[in-house]
Amino acid sequence: MENIDEIKNENLLLKNRITELEERLKKYTSGNNHKKYYEKNKEKIMESSAQYLSKLKEENPEKIKEYRRRAYLKMKEKAEQKKTESI
């Protein structure tokens, strides 16, 4: 019986610890802070991503083909899901 009580107590402590850590994690993963950053630095981010793509185009054009194909397949999948949902 004591063993079961110890396990239950430990389980309760671990559940409390999980909720505590989830609360702390919300501070770092909240979307508002990220949105503010991207709104303030939109031009800088667009510029750096364009530079990355141009660099990639020179170094590894196959990678760009792969990215574009993956984007096309995702777009196609979303369109199919939307179509099935509307039926």
C-alpha atoms as a PDB file:
ATOM      1  CA  MET A   1       0.000   0.000   0.000  1.00  0.00           C
ATOM      2  CA  GLU A   2       2.781   2.393   0.838  1.00  0.00           C
ATOM      3  CA  ASN A   3       4.348   1.819  -2.543  1.00  0.00           C
ATOM      4  CA  ILE A   4       1.105   2.741  -4.303  1.00  0.00           C
ATOM      5  CA  ASP A   5       0.738   5.867  -2.185  1.00  0.00           C
ATOM      6  CA  GLU A   6       4.302   6.877  -3.002  1.00  0.00           C
ATOM      7  CA  ILE A   7       3.679   6.382  -6.713  1.00  0.00           C
ATOM      8  CA  LYS A   8       0.451   8.397  -6.564  1.00  0.00           C
ATOM      9  CA  ASN A   9       2.219  11.174  -4.675  1.00  0.00           C
ATOM     10  CA  GLU A  10       5.088  11.192  -7.165  1.00  0.00           C
ATOM     11  CA  ASN A  11       2.605  11.233 -10.043  1.00  0.00           C
ATOM     12  CA  LEU A  12       0.843  14.226  -8.533  1.00  0.00           C
ATOM     13  CA  LEU A  13       4.129  16.067  -8.054  1.00  0.00           C
ATOM     14  CA  LEU A  14       5.139  15.378 -11.639  1.00  0.00           C
ATOM     15  CA  LYS A  15       1.782  16.613 -12.949  1.00  0.00           C
ATOM     16  CA  ASN A  16       2.234  19.835 -10.982  1.00  0.00           C
ATOM     17  CA  ARG A  17       5.741  20.217 -12.377  1.00  0.00           C
ATOM     18  CA  ILE A  18       4.441  19.715 -15.924  1.00  0.00           C
ATOM     19  CA  THR A  19       1.809  22.417 -15.540  1.00  0.00           C
ATOM     20  CA  GLU A  20       4.409  24.724 -14.035  1.00  0.00           C
ATOM     21  CA  LEU A  21       6.781  24.162 -16.968  1.00  0.00           C
ATOM     22  CA  GLU A  22       3.978  24.610 -19.510  1.00  0.00           C
ATOM     23  CA  GLU A  23       3.204  28.004 -17.983  1.00  0.00           C
ATOM     24  CA  ARG A  24       6.845  29.008 -18.309  1.00  0.00           C
ATOM     25  CA  LEU A  25       6.953  27.745 -21.882  1.00  0.00           C
ATOM     26  CA  LYS A  26       3.985  29.912 -22.871  1.00  0.00           C
ATOM     27  CA  LYS A  27       6.142  32.941 -22.190  1.00  0.00           C
ATOM     28  CA  TYR A  28       8.544  31.920 -24.956  1.00  0.00           C
ATOM     29  CA  THR A  29       6.103  30.462 -27.456  1.00  0.00           C
ATOM     30  CA  SER A  30       3.396  33.094 -27.372  1.00  0.00           C
ATOM     31  CA  GLY A  31       2.599  34.255 -30.874  1.00  0.00           C
ATOM     32  CA  ASN A  32       2.236  37.929 -29.991  1.00  0.00           C
ATOM     33  CA  ASN A  33       5.929  38.544 -29.408  1.00  0.00           C
ATOM     34  CA  HIS A  34       6.886  36.782 -32.609  1.00  0.00           C
ATOM     35  CA  LYS A  35       4.269  38.662 -34.595  1.00  0.00           C
ATOM     36  CA  LYS A  36       5.504  42.004 -33.271  1.00  0.00           C
ATOM     37  CA  TYR A  37       9.075  41.162 -34.205  1.00  0.00           C
ATOM     38  CA  TYR A  38       8.158  40.166 -37.747  1.00  0.00           C
ATOM     39  CA  GLU A  39       5.957  43.225 -38.202  1.00  0.00           C
ATOM     40  CA  LYS A  40       8.766  45.531 -37.116  1.00  0.00           C
ATOM     41  CA  ASN A  41      11.473  43.799 -39.156  1.00  0.00           C
ATOM     42  CA  LYS A  42       9.462  42.700 -42.179  1.00  0.00           C
ATOM     43  CA  GLU A  43      11.690  44.372 -44.761  1.00  0.00           C
ATOM     44  CA  LYS A  44      14.885  43.068 -43.188  1.00  0.00           C
ATOM     45  CA  ILE A  45      13.533  39.512 -43.120  1.00  0.00           C
ATOM     46  CA  MET A  46      12.321  39.717 -46.719  1.00  0.00           C
ATOM     47  CA  GLU A  47      15.727  40.996 -47.803  1.00  0.00           C
ATOM     48  CA  SER A  48      17.637  38.267 -45.986  1.00  0.00           C
ATOM     49  CA  SER A  49      15.379  35.539 -47.372  1.00  0.00           C
ATOM     50  CA  ALA A  50      15.809  36.909 -50.905  1.00  0.00           C
ATOM     51  CA  GLN A  51      19.580  36.858 -50.416  1.00  0.00           C
ATOM     52  CA  TYR A  52      19.384  33.286 -49.193  1.00  0.00           C
ATOM     53  CA  LEU A  53      17.368  32.219 -52.231  1.00  0.00           C
ATOM     54  CA  SER A  54      19.738  33.923 -54.668  1.00  0.00           C
ATOM     55  CA  LYS A  55      22.719  32.290 -52.953  1.00  0.00           C
ATOM     56  CA  LEU A  56      20.963  28.935 -53.060  1.00  0.00           C
ATOM     57  CA  LYS A  57      20.101  29.418 -56.711  1.00  0.00           C
ATOM     58  CA  GLU A  58      23.802  29.740 -57.526  1.00  0.00           C
ATOM     59  CA  GLU A  59      25.066  26.981 -55.263  1.00  0.00           C
ATOM     60  CA  ASN A  60      22.366  24.321 -55.375  1.00  0.00           C
ATOM     61  CA  PRO A  61      19.529  24.754 -57.897  1.00  0.00           C
ATOM     62  CA  GLU A  62      18.260  21.232 -57.183  1.00  0.00           C
ATOM     63  CA  LYS A  63      17.366  22.299 -53.653  1.00  0.00           C
ATOM     64  CA  ILE A  64      15.140  25.083 -55.003  1.00  0.00           C
ATOM     65  CA  LYS A  65      13.341  22.572 -57.223  1.00  0.00           C
ATOM     66  CA  GLU A  66      12.793  20.393 -54.171  1.00  0.00           C
ATOM     67  CA  TYR A  67      11.426  23.338 -52.132  1.00  0.00           C
ATOM     68  CA  ARG A  68       9.077  24.403 -54.899  1.00  0.00           C
ATOM     69  CA  ARG A  69       7.822  20.867 -55.456  1.00  0.00           C
ATOM     70  CA  ARG A  70       7.151  20.433 -51.737  1.00  0.00           C
ATOM     71  CA  ALA A  71       5.288  23.760 -51.669  1.00  0.00           C
ATOM     72  CA  TYR A  72       3.240  22.719 -54.697  1.00  0.00           C
ATOM     73  CA  LEU A  73       2.318  19.383 -53.113  1.00  0.00           C
ATOM     74  CA  LYS A  74       1.325  21.070 -49.846  1.00  0.00           C
ATOM     75  CA  MET A  75      -0.797  23.592 -51.712  1.00  0.00           C
ATOM     76  CA  LYS A  76      -2.455  20.787 -53.664  1.00  0.00           C
ATOM     77  CA  GLU A  77      -3.109  18.826 -50.457  1.00  0.00           C
ATOM     78  CA  LYS A  78      -4.686  21.866 -48.767  1.00  0.00           C
ATOM     79  CA  ALA A  79      -6.915  22.454 -51.782  1.00  0.00           C
ATOM     80  CA  GLU A  80      -8.076  18.826 -51.671  1.00  0.00           C
ATOM     81  CA  GLN A  81      -8.799  19.076 -47.947  1.00  0.00           C
ATOM     82  CA  LYS A  82     -10.762  22.270 -48.455  1.00  0.00           C
ATOM     83  CA  LYS A  83     -12.700  20.626 -51.270  1.00  0.00           C
ATOM     84  CA  THR A  84     -13.598  17.584 -49.140  1.00  0.00           C
ATOM     85  CA  GLU A  85     -14.607  19.804 -46.209  1.00  0.00           C
ATOM     86  CA  SER A  86     -16.952  21.857 -48.342  1.00  0.00           C
ATOM     87  CA  ILE A  87     -18.758  18.735 -49.602  1.00  0.00           C
END
